[in-house]
PDB file of N, CA and C in Angstrom:
ATOM      1  N   MET A   1       0.847  -1.163   0.000  1.00  0.00           N
ATOM      2  CA  MET A   1       0.000   0.000   0.000  1.00  0.00           C
ATOM      3  C   MET A   1       0.901   1.237   0.000  1.00  0.00           C
ATOM      4  N   GLN A   2       0.574   2.202  -0.875  1.00  0.00           N
ATOM      5  CA  GLN A   2       1.348   3.435  -0.976  1.00  0.00           C
ATOM      6  C   GLN A   2       0.474   4.614  -0.554  1.00  0.00           C
ATOM      7  N   ILE A   3       1.020   5.475   0.276  1.00  0.00           N
ATOM      8  CA  ILE A   3       0.294   6.631   0.798  1.00  0.00           C
ATOM      9  C   ILE A   3       1.069   7.892   0.427  1.00  0.00           C
ATOM     10  N   GLU A   4       0.334   8.897  -0.047  1.00  0.00           N
ATOM     11  CA  GLU A   4       0.948  10.177  -0.383  1.00  0.00           C
ATOM     12  C   GLU A   4       0.035  11.298   0.095  1.00  0.00           C
ATOM     13  N   SER A   5       0.576  12.208   0.869  1.00  0.00           N
ATOM     14  CA  SER A   5      -0.192  13.351   1.349  1.00  0.00           C
ATOM     15  C   SER A   5      -0.281  14.395   0.237  1.00  0.00           C
ATOM     16  N   LEU A   6      -1.509  14.855  -0.019  1.00  0.00           N
ATOM     17  CA  LEU A   6      -1.726  15.901  -1.017  1.00  0.00           C
ATOM     18  C   LEU A   6      -1.940  17.257  -0.362  1.00  0.00           C
ATOM     19  N   GLY A   7      -1.909  17.286   0.977  1.00  0.00           N
ATOM     20  CA  GLY A   7      -2.114  18.514   1.726  1.00  0.00           C
ATOM     21  C   GLY A   7      -3.566  18.737   2.074  1.00  0.00           C
ATOM     22  N   SER A   8      -3.815  19.543   3.081  1.00  0.00           N
ATOM     23  CA  SER A   8      -5.172  19.901   3.533  1.00  0.00           C
ATOM     24  C   SER A   8      -6.022  18.680   3.840  1.00  0.00           C
ATOM     25  N   ASP A   9      -5.454  17.715   4.536  1.00  0.00           N
ATOM     26  CA  ASP A   9      -6.161  16.480   4.906  1.00  0.00           C
ATOM     27  C   ASP A   9      -6.695  15.706   3.709  1.00  0.00           C
ATOM     28  N   CYS A  10      -5.995  15.765   2.595  1.00  0.00           N
ATOM     29  CA  CYS A  10      -6.354  15.003   1.404  1.00  0.00           C
ATOM     30  C   CYS A  10      -5.199  14.048   1.112  1.00  0.00           C
ATOM     31  N   TRP A  11      -5.537  12.779   0.826  1.00  0.00           N
ATOM     32  CA  TRP A  11      -4.522  11.753   0.657  1.00  0.00           C
ATOM     33  C   TRP A  11      -4.751  10.991  -0.637  1.00  0.00           C
ATOM     34  N   SER A  12      -3.663  10.526  -1.211  1.00  0.00           N
ATOM     35  CA  SER A  12      -3.713   9.598  -2.329  1.00  0.00           C
ATOM     36  C   SER A  12      -3.221   8.258  -1.810  1.00  0.00           C
ATOM     37  N   VAL A  13      -4.054   7.227  -1.947  1.00  0.00           N
ATOM     38  CA  VAL A  13      -3.708   5.897  -1.442  1.00  0.00           C
ATOM     39  C   VAL A  13      -3.798   4.913  -2.600  1.00  0.00           C
ATOM     40  N   LYS A  14      -2.753   4.152  -2.820  1.00  0.00           N
ATOM     41  CA  LYS A  14      -2.730   3.136  -3.864  1.00  0.00           C
ATOM     42  C   LYS A  14      -2.705   1.772  -3.187  1.00  0.00           C
ATOM     43  N   ILE A  15      -3.722   0.962  -3.491  1.00  0.00           N
ATOM     44  CA  ILE A  15      -3.847  -0.375  -2.907  1.00  0.00           C
ATOM     45  C   ILE A  15      -3.713  -1.382  -4.032  1.00  0.00           C
ATOM     46  N   ASN A  16      -2.846  -2.353  -3.871  1.00  0.00           N
ATOM     47  CA  ASN A  16      -2.646  -3.385  -4.891  1.00  0.00           C
ATOM     48  C   ASN A  16      -3.265  -4.695  -4.426  1.00  0.00           C
ATOM     49  N   TYR A  17      -4.003  -5.333  -5.339  1.00  0.00           N
ATOM     50  CA  TYR A  17      -4.593  -6.639  -5.083  1.00  0.00           C
ATOM     51  C   TYR A  17      -4.096  -7.608  -6.141  1.00  0.00           C
ATOM     52  N   GLY A  18      -3.934  -8.858  -5.742  1.00  0.00           N
ATOM     53  CA  GLY A  18      -3.543  -9.901  -6.671  1.00  0.00           C
ATOM     54  C   GLY A  18      -4.750 -10.474  -7.389  1.00  0.00           C
ATOM     55  N   PHE A  19      -4.505 -11.356  -8.316  1.00  0.00           N
ATOM     56  CA  PHE A  19      -5.556 -11.940  -9.144  1.00  0.00           C
ATOM     57  C   PHE A  19      -6.599 -12.683  -8.315  1.00  0.00           C
ATOM     58  N   LYS A  20      -6.161 -13.399  -7.300  1.00  0.00           N
ATOM     59  CA  LYS A  20      -7.084 -14.209  -6.503  1.00  0.00           C
ATOM     60  C   LYS A  20      -7.590 -13.510  -5.246  1.00  0.00           C
ATOM     61  N   ASN A  21      -7.204 -12.260  -5.033  1.00  0.00           N
ATOM     62  CA  ASN A  21      -7.661 -11.514  -3.864  1.00  0.00           C
ATOM     63  C   ASN A  21      -9.027 -10.900  -4.124  1.00  0.00           C
ATOM     64  N   ASP A  22      -9.860 -10.877  -3.088  1.00  0.00           N
ATOM     65  CA  ASP A  22     -11.140 -10.187  -3.161  1.00  0.00           C
ATOM     66  C   ASP A  22     -10.946  -8.787  -2.596  1.00  0.00           C
ATOM     67  N   PRO A  23     -11.078  -7.746  -3.434  1.00  0.00           N
ATOM     68  CA  PRO A  23     -10.828  -6.391  -2.959  1.00  0.00           C
ATOM     69  C   PRO A  23     -11.878  -5.922  -1.953  1.00  0.00           C
ATOM     70  N   ASP A  24     -11.412  -5.323  -0.880  1.00  0.00           N
ATOM     71  CA  ASP A  24     -12.269  -4.712   0.137  1.00  0.00           C
ATOM     72  C   ASP A  24     -11.584  -3.408   0.537  1.00  0.00           C
ATOM     73  N   VAL A  25     -11.903  -2.350  -0.162  1.00  0.00           N
ATOM     74  CA  VAL A  25     -11.218  -1.068   0.019  1.00  0.00           C
ATOM     75  C   VAL A  25     -11.428  -0.491   1.419  1.00  0.00           C
ATOM     76  N   PRO A  26     -12.655  -0.471   1.957  1.00  0.00           N
ATOM     77  CA  PRO A  26     -12.813   0.072   3.312  1.00  0.00           C
ATOM     78  C   PRO A  26     -11.970  -0.665   4.360  1.00  0.00           C
ATOM     79  N   ALA A  27     -11.875  -1.970   4.249  1.00  0.00           N
ATOM     80  CA  ALA A  27     -11.047  -2.733   5.196  1.00  0.00           C
ATOM     81  C   ALA A  27      -9.571  -2.390   5.022  1.00  0.00           C
ATOM     82  N   ALA A  28      -9.137  -2.215   3.783  1.00  0.00           N
ATOM     83  CA  ALA A  28      -7.740  -1.855   3.530  1.00  0.00           C
ATOM     84  C   ALA A  28      -7.427  -0.474   4.083  1.00  0.00           C
ATOM     85  N   LEU A  29      -8.383   0.448   3.982  1.00  0.00           N
ATOM     86  CA  LEU A  29      -8.142   1.801   4.494  1.00  0.00           C
ATOM     87  C   LEU A  29      -8.050   1.830   6.017  1.00  0.00           C
ATOM     88  N   GLN A  30      -8.662   0.868   6.679  1.00  0.00           N
ATOM     89  CA  GLN A  30      -8.537   0.804   8.135  1.00  0.00           C
ATOM     90  C   GLN A  30      -7.113   0.460   8.558  1.00  0.00           C
ATOM     91  N   GLN A  31      -6.345  -0.152   7.658  1.00  0.00           N
ATOM     92  CA  GLN A  31      -4.947  -0.480   7.946  1.00  0.00           C
ATOM     93  C   GLN A  31      -4.055   0.761   7.960  1.00  0.00           C
ATOM     94  N   LEU A  32      -4.590   1.899   7.523  1.00  0.00           N
ATOM     95  CA  LEU A  32      -3.812   3.137   7.505  1.00  0.00           C
ATOM     96  C   LEU A  32      -3.679   3.766   8.879  1.00  0.00           C
ATOM     97  N   ARG A  33      -4.488   3.328   9.817  1.00  0.00           N
ATOM     98  CA  ARG A  33      -4.418   3.905  11.161  1.00  0.00           C
ATOM     99  C   ARG A  33      -3.011   3.725  11.733  1.00  0.00           C
ATOM    100  N   GLY A  34      -2.498   4.785  12.294  1.00  0.00           N
ATOM    101  CA  GLY A  34      -1.161   4.744  12.864  1.00  0.00           C
ATOM    102  C   GLY A  34      -0.055   4.986  11.859  1.00  0.00           C
ATOM    103  N   ARG A  35      -0.404   5.233  10.597  1.00  0.00           N
ATOM    104  CA  ARG A  35       0.607   5.497   9.568  1.00  0.00           C
ATOM    105  C   ARG A  35       0.546   6.946   9.100  1.00  0.00           C
ATOM    106  N   GLY A  36      -0.090   7.802   9.910  1.00  0.00           N
ATOM    107  CA  GLY A  36      -0.160   9.222   9.573  1.00  0.00           C
ATOM    108  C   GLY A  36      -1.422   9.629   8.838  1.00  0.00           C
ATOM    109  N   CYS A  37      -2.232   8.673   8.462  1.00  0.00           N
ATOM    110  CA  CYS A  37      -3.455   8.965   7.721  1.00  0.00           C
ATOM    111  C   CYS A  37      -4.622   8.324   8.455  1.00  0.00           C
ATOM    112  N   GLU A  38      -5.342   9.123   9.223  1.00  0.00           N
ATOM    113  CA  GLU A  38      -6.485   8.602   9.970  1.00  0.00           C
ATOM    114  C   GLU A  38      -7.734   8.695   9.098  1.00  0.00           C
ATOM    115  N   VAL A  39      -8.328   7.566   8.801  1.00  0.00           N
ATOM    116  CA  VAL A  39      -9.479   7.505   7.910  1.00  0.00           C
ATOM    117  C   VAL A  39     -10.743   7.311   8.733  1.00  0.00           C
ATOM    118  N   GLU A  40     -11.695   8.214   8.537  1.00  0.00           N
ATOM    119  CA  GLU A  40     -13.004   8.068   9.166  1.00  0.00           C
ATOM    120  C   GLU A  40     -13.950   7.505   8.112  1.00  0.00           C
ATOM    121  N   SER A  41     -14.550   6.368   8.395  1.00  0.00           N
ATOM    122  CA  SER A  41     -15.384   5.713   7.388  1.00  0.00           C
ATOM    123  C   SER A  41     -16.558   6.587   6.941  1.00  0.00           C
ATOM    124  N   MET A  42     -17.129   7.381   7.849  1.00  0.00           N
ATOM    125  CA  MET A  42     -18.261   8.231   7.475  1.00  0.00           C
ATOM    126  C   MET A  42     -17.807   9.548   6.832  1.00  0.00           C
ATOM    127  N   GLY A  43     -16.529   9.856   6.874  1.00  0.00           N
ATOM    128  CA  GLY A  43     -16.017  11.091   6.295  1.00  0.00           C
ATOM    129  C   GLY A  43     -15.201  10.870   5.036  1.00  0.00           C
ATOM    130  N   THR A  44     -15.243   9.652   4.496  1.00  0.00           N
ATOM    131  CA  THR A  44     -14.454   9.305   3.321  1.00  0.00           C
ATOM    132  C   THR A  44     -15.341   9.300   2.084  1.00  0.00           C
ATOM    133  N   SER A  45     -14.862   9.898   1.009  1.00  0.00           N
ATOM    134  CA  SER A  45     -15.574   9.884  -0.268  1.00  0.00           C
ATOM    135  C   SER A  45     -14.759   9.105  -1.280  1.00  0.00           C
ATOM    136  N   TYR A  46     -15.455   8.362  -2.134  1.00  0.00           N
ATOM    137  CA  TYR A  46     -14.819   7.564  -3.182  1.00  0.00           C
ATOM    138  C   TYR A  46     -15.287   8.110  -4.532  1.00  0.00           C
ATOM    139  N   PHE A  47     -14.348   8.520  -5.361  1.00  0.00           N
ATOM    140  CA  PHE A  47     -14.673   9.077  -6.665  1.00  0.00           C
ATOM    141  C   PHE A  47     -14.377   8.035  -7.736  1.00  0.00           C
ATOM    142  N   LEU A  48     -15.407   7.692  -8.514  1.00  0.00           N
ATOM    143  CA  LEU A  48     -15.284   6.682  -9.552  1.00  0.00           C
ATOM    144  C   LEU A  48     -15.693   7.266 -10.894  1.00  0.00           C
ATOM    145  N   SER A  49     -15.129   6.718 -11.953  1.00  0.00           N
ATOM    146  CA  SER A  49     -15.573   7.115 -13.291  1.00  0.00           C
ATOM    147  C   SER A  49     -16.563   6.075 -13.798  1.00  0.00           C
ATOM    148  N   ARG A  50     -17.506   6.523 -14.600  1.00  0.00           N
ATOM    149  CA  ARG A  50     -18.492   5.618 -15.183  1.00  0.00           C
ATOM    150  C   ARG A  50     -18.718   6.046 -16.627  1.00  0.00           C
ATOM    151  N   ASP A  51     -18.418   5.144 -17.545  1.00  0.00           N
ATOM    152  CA  ASP A  51     -18.589   5.420 -18.967  1.00  0.00           C
ATOM    153  C   ASP A  51     -19.860   4.756 -19.471  1.00  0.00           C
ATOM    154  N   VAL A  52     -20.557   5.450 -20.360  1.00  0.00           N
ATOM    155  CA  VAL A  52     -21.724   4.904 -21.037  1.00  0.00           C
ATOM    156  C   VAL A  52     -21.359   4.807 -22.509  1.00  0.00           C
ATOM    157  N   PHE A  53     -21.448   3.608 -23.055  1.00  0.00           N
ATOM    158  CA  PHE A  53     -21.097   3.400 -24.452  1.00  0.00           C
ATOM    159  C   PHE A  53     -22.343   3.532 -25.313  1.00  0.00           C
ATOM    160  N   VAL A  54     -22.241   4.332 -26.356  1.00  0.00           N
ATOM    161  CA  VAL A  54     -23.348   4.541 -27.287  1.00  0.00           C
ATOM    162  C   VAL A  54     -22.860   4.188 -28.692  1.00  0.00           C
ATOM    163  N   PRO A  55     -23.787   3.675 -29.526  1.00  0.00           N
ATOM    164  CA  PRO A  55     -23.380   3.344 -30.904  1.00  0.00           C
ATOM    165  C   PRO A  55     -22.903   4.581 -31.641  1.00  0.00           C
ATOM    166  N   GLY A  56     -21.847   4.405 -32.418  1.00  0.00           N
ATOM    167  CA  GLY A  56     -21.306   5.504 -33.204  1.00  0.00           C
ATOM    168  C   GLY A  56     -21.794   5.429 -34.634  1.00  0.00           C
ATOM    169  N   ASP A  57     -21.063   6.067 -35.522  1.00  0.00           N
ATOM    170  CA  ASP A  57     -21.435   6.017 -36.933  1.00  0.00           C
ATOM    171  C   ASP A  57     -20.976   4.694 -37.539  1.00  0.00           C
ATOM    172  N   ASN A  58     -21.413   4.426 -38.726  1.00  0.00           N
ATOM    173  CA  ASN A  58     -21.074   3.154 -39.373  1.00  0.00           C
ATOM    174  C   ASN A  58     -19.654   3.137 -39.919  1.00  0.00           C
ATOM    175  N   ASN A  59     -18.921   4.210 -39.784  1.00  0.00           N
ATOM    176  CA  ASN A  59     -17.542   4.266 -40.281  1.00  0.00           C
ATOM    177  C   ASN A  59     -16.530   3.716 -39.283  1.00  0.00           C
ATOM    178  N   SER A  60     -17.011   3.219 -38.140  1.00  0.00           N
ATOM    179  CA  SER A  60     -16.088   2.749 -37.105  1.00  0.00           C
ATOM    180  C   SER A  60     -15.513   1.372 -37.413  1.00  0.00           C
ATOM    181  N   GLY A  61     -16.081   0.670 -38.400  1.00  0.00           N
ATOM    182  CA  GLY A  61     -15.580  -0.655 -38.734  1.00  0.00           C
ATOM    183  C   GLY A  61     -16.270  -1.760 -37.964  1.00  0.00           C
ATOM    184  N   MET A  62     -17.189  -1.410 -37.070  1.00  0.00           N
ATOM    185  CA  MET A  62     -17.917  -2.407 -36.285  1.00  0.00           C
ATOM    186  C   MET A  62     -19.394  -2.336 -36.674  1.00  0.00           C
ATOM    187  N   ALA A  63     -20.009  -3.494 -36.868  1.00  0.00           N
ATOM    188  CA  ALA A  63     -21.418  -3.534 -37.240  1.00  0.00           C
ATOM    189  C   ALA A  63     -22.262  -2.884 -36.149  1.00  0.00           C
ATOM    190  N   LEU A  64     -23.353  -2.228 -36.541  1.00  0.00           N
ATOM    191  CA  LEU A  64     -24.211  -1.522 -35.596  1.00  0.00           C
ATOM    192  C   LEU A  64     -24.757  -2.457 -34.525  1.00  0.00           C
ATOM    193  N   TRP A  65     -25.143  -3.691 -34.893  1.00  0.00           N
ATOM    194  CA  TRP A  65     -25.682  -4.622 -33.896  1.00  0.00           C
ATOM    195  C   TRP A  65     -24.625  -4.984 -32.856  1.00  0.00           C
ATOM    196  N   ARG A  66     -23.354  -5.044 -33.276  1.00  0.00           N
ATOM    197  CA  ARG A  66     -22.276  -5.337 -32.326  1.00  0.00           C
ATOM    198  C   ARG A  66     -22.052  -4.159 -31.376  1.00  0.00           C
ATOM    199  N   GLN A  67     -22.156  -2.952 -31.916  1.00  0.00           N
ATOM    200  CA  GLN A  67     -22.018  -1.767 -31.070  1.00  0.00           C
ATOM    201  C   GLN A  67     -23.107  -1.749 -30.004  1.00  0.00           C
ATOM    202  N   LYS A  68     -24.348  -2.033 -30.420  1.00  0.00           N
ATOM    203  CA  LYS A  68     -25.462  -2.046 -29.471  1.00  0.00           C
ATOM    204  C   LYS A  68     -25.307  -3.166 -28.448  1.00  0.00           C
ATOM    205  N   LEU A  69     -24.860  -4.327 -28.902  1.00  0.00           N
ATOM    206  CA  LEU A  69     -24.645  -5.452 -27.986  1.00  0.00           C
ATOM    207  C   LEU A  69     -23.561  -5.119 -26.962  1.00  0.00           C
ATOM    208  N   PHE A  70     -22.465  -4.521 -27.419  1.00  0.00           N
ATOM    209  CA  PHE A  70     -21.388  -4.128 -26.503  1.00  0.00           C
ATOM    210  C   PHE A  70     -21.888  -3.134 -25.468  1.00  0.00           C
ATOM    211  N   GLY A  71     -22.661  -2.135 -25.911  1.00  0.00           N
ATOM    212  CA  GLY A  71     -23.213  -1.148 -24.983  1.00  0.00           C
ATOM    213  C   GLY A  71     -24.129  -1.777 -23.961  1.00  0.00           C
ATOM    214  N   GLN A  72     -24.959  -2.735 -24.383  1.00  0.00           N
ATOM    215  CA  GLN A  72     -25.875  -3.407 -23.465  1.00  0.00           C
ATOM    216  C   GLN A  72     -25.121  -4.287 -22.477  1.00  0.00           C
ATOM    217  N   MET A  73     -24.103  -4.986 -22.932  1.00  0.00           N
ATOM    218  CA  MET A  73     -23.302  -5.825 -22.032  1.00  0.00           C
ATOM    219  C   MET A  73     -22.594  -4.958 -20.990  1.00  0.00           C
ATOM    220  N   HIS A  74     -22.076  -3.822 -21.413  1.00  0.00           N
ATOM    221  CA  HIS A  74     -21.407  -2.918 -20.468  1.00  0.00           C
ATOM    222  C   HIS A  74     -22.402  -2.370 -19.456  1.00  0.00           C
ATOM    223  N   HIS A  75     -23.616  -2.065 -19.911  1.00  0.00           N
ATOM    224  CA  HIS A  75     -24.669  -1.552 -19.023  1.00  0.00           C
ATOM    225  C   HIS A  75     -25.059  -2.595 -17.972  1.00  0.00           C
ATOM    226  N   ASN A  76     -25.080  -3.866 -18.354  1.00  0.00           N
ATOM    227  CA  ASN A  76     -25.497  -4.940 -17.450  1.00  0.00           C
ATOM    228  C   ASN A  76     -24.382  -5.427 -16.527  1.00  0.00           C
ATOM    229  N   ALA A  77     -23.157  -5.005 -16.760  1.00  0.00           N
ATOM    230  CA  ALA A  77     -22.034  -5.446 -15.935  1.00  0.00           C
ATOM    231  C   ALA A  77     -22.175  -4.899 -14.512  1.00  0.00           C
ATOM    232  N   ALA A  78     -21.612  -5.626 -13.566  1.00  0.00           N
ATOM    233  CA  ALA A  78     -21.653  -5.198 -12.165  1.00  0.00           C
ATOM    234  C   ALA A  78     -20.891  -3.887 -11.994  1.00  0.00           C
ATOM    235  N   GLY A  79     -21.351  -3.070 -11.069  1.00  0.00           N
ATOM    236  CA  GLY A  79     -20.715  -1.788 -10.812  1.00  0.00           C
ATOM    237  C   GLY A  79     -19.414  -1.926 -10.046  1.00  0.00           C
ATOM    238  N   VAL A  80     -18.533  -0.984 -10.258  1.00  0.00           N
ATOM    239  CA  VAL A  80     -17.229  -0.990  -9.587  1.00  0.00           C
ATOM    240  C   VAL A  80     -17.391  -0.820  -8.079  1.00  0.00           C
ATOM    241  N   ALA A  81     -18.328   0.022  -7.657  1.00  0.00           N
ATOM    242  CA  ALA A  81     -18.532   0.270  -6.231  1.00  0.00           C
ATOM    243  C   ALA A  81     -18.928  -1.013  -5.506  1.00  0.00           C
ATOM    244  N   ASP A  82     -19.772  -1.819  -6.120  1.00  0.00           N
ATOM    245  CA  ASP A  82     -20.157  -3.099  -5.513  1.00  0.00           C
ATOM    246  C   ASP A  82     -18.977  -4.055  -5.455  1.00  0.00           C
ATOM    247  N   PHE A  83     -18.174  -4.087  -6.514  1.00  0.00           N
ATOM    248  CA  PHE A  83     -17.019  -4.979  -6.575  1.00  0.00           C
ATOM    249  C   PHE A  83     -15.999  -4.643  -5.489  1.00  0.00           C
ATOM    250  N   LEU A  84     -15.808  -3.346  -5.227  1.00  0.00           N
ATOM    251  CA  LEU A  84     -14.818  -2.912  -4.243  1.00  0.00           C
ATOM    252  C   LEU A  84     -15.385  -2.818  -2.824  1.00  0.00           C
ATOM    253  N   LEU A  85     -16.668  -3.171  -2.660  1.00  0.00           N
ATOM    254  CA  LEU A  85     -17.368  -3.148  -1.370  1.00  0.00           C
ATOM    255  C   LEU A  85     -17.419  -1.746  -0.765  1.00  0.00           C
ATOM    256  N   LEU A  86     -17.616  -0.755  -1.616  1.00  0.00           N
ATOM    257  CA  LEU A  86     -17.692   0.630  -1.151  1.00  0.00           C
ATOM    258  C   LEU A  86     -19.104   0.939  -0.659  1.00  0.00           C
ATOM    259  N   PRO A  87     -19.224   1.690   0.431  1.00  0.00           N
ATOM    260  CA  PRO A  87     -20.558   2.068   0.909  1.00  0.00           C
ATOM    261  C   PRO A  87     -21.221   3.015  -0.095  1.00  0.00           C
ATOM    262  N   SER A  88     -22.457   2.730  -0.458  1.00  0.00           N
ATOM    263  CA  SER A  88     -23.121   3.480  -1.525  1.00  0.00           C
ATOM    264  C   SER A  88     -23.334   4.958  -1.187  1.00  0.00           C
ATOM    265  N   ASN A  89     -23.432   5.290   0.092  1.00  0.00           N
ATOM    266  CA  ASN A  89     -23.649   6.687   0.458  1.00  0.00           C
ATOM    267  C   ASN A  89     -22.360   7.510   0.450  1.00  0.00           C
ATOM    268  N   SER A  90     -21.234   6.898   0.097  1.00  0.00           N
ATOM    269  CA  SER A  90     -19.950   7.608   0.051  1.00  0.00           C
ATOM    270  C   SER A  90     -19.346   7.654  -1.348  1.00  0.00           C
ATOM    271  N   VAL A  91     -20.096   7.191  -2.351  1.00  0.00           N
ATOM    272  CA  VAL A  91     -19.567   7.084  -3.710  1.00  0.00           C
ATOM    273  C   VAL A  91     -20.061   8.250  -4.565  1.00  0.00           C
ATOM    274  N   VAL A  92     -19.127   8.866  -5.283  1.00  0.00           N
ATOM    275  CA  VAL A  92     -19.446   9.907  -6.261  1.00  0.00           C
ATOM    276  C   VAL A  92     -18.987   9.379  -7.619  1.00  0.00           C
ATOM    277  N   GLU A  93     -19.926   9.265  -8.566  1.00  0.00           N
ATOM    278  CA  GLU A  93     -19.583   8.780  -9.897  1.00  0.00           C
ATOM    279  C   GLU A  93     -19.607   9.925 -10.891  1.00  0.00           C
ATOM    280  N   LEU A  94     -18.535  10.031 -11.660  1.00  0.00           N
ATOM    281  CA  LEU A  94     -18.426  11.029 -12.716  1.00  0.00           C
ATOM    282  C   LEU A  94     -18.451  10.267 -14.042  1.00  0.00           C
ATOM    283  N   GLY A  95     -19.394  10.614 -14.910  1.00  0.00           N
ATOM    284  CA  GLY A  95     -19.575   9.831 -16.117  1.00  0.00           C
ATOM    285  C   GLY A  95     -19.322  10.583 -17.397  1.00  0.00           C
ATOM    286  N   SER A  96     -19.206   9.803 -18.455  1.00  0.00           N
ATOM    287  CA  SER A  96     -19.058  10.362 -19.789  1.00  0.00           C
ATOM    288  C   SER A  96     -19.634   9.370 -20.798  1.00  0.00           C
ATOM    289  N   LYS A  97     -20.013   9.890 -21.950  1.00  0.00           N
ATOM    290  CA  LYS A  97     -20.502   9.037 -23.042  1.00  0.00           C
ATOM    291  C   LYS A  97     -19.361   8.800 -24.007  1.00  0.00           C
ATOM    292  N   VAL A  98     -19.233   7.553 -24.420  1.00  0.00           N
ATOM    293  CA  VAL A  98     -18.170   7.157 -25.334  1.00  0.00           C
ATOM    294  C   VAL A  98     -18.808   6.486 -26.540  1.00  0.00           C
ATOM    295  N   GLN A  99     -18.485   6.963 -27.736  1.00  0.00           N
ATOM    296  CA  GLN A  99     -18.992   6.324 -28.942  1.00  0.00           C
ATOM    297  C   GLN A  99     -18.137   5.122 -29.277  1.00  0.00           C
ATOM    298  N   VAL A 100     -18.807   4.014 -29.575  1.00  0.00           N
ATOM    299  CA  VAL A 100     -18.094   2.781 -29.940  1.00  0.00           C
ATOM    300  C   VAL A 100     -17.781   2.823 -31.404  1.00  0.00           C
TER     301      VAL A 100
END
């Protein structure tokens, strides 16, 4: 785990998980206690990106039905917040639309 102070009580924390590890970010952040970074579970915000894929023009080289199928599969995929076991009331998602 790597910790970097950004100043004003803001921290950058990098947590590495292996292939067979089940990620649990809140539990990992509790390990920061005593290392200079005191994390309050109710005062922590998690910022995630969320992309929405939309069909593009026919010049992309991919058939329109494949573009729509890819967008639907991405829409049905499990969310990152659930995978990382993040509390839903602490997650901020910033999104963008991406043409396939």
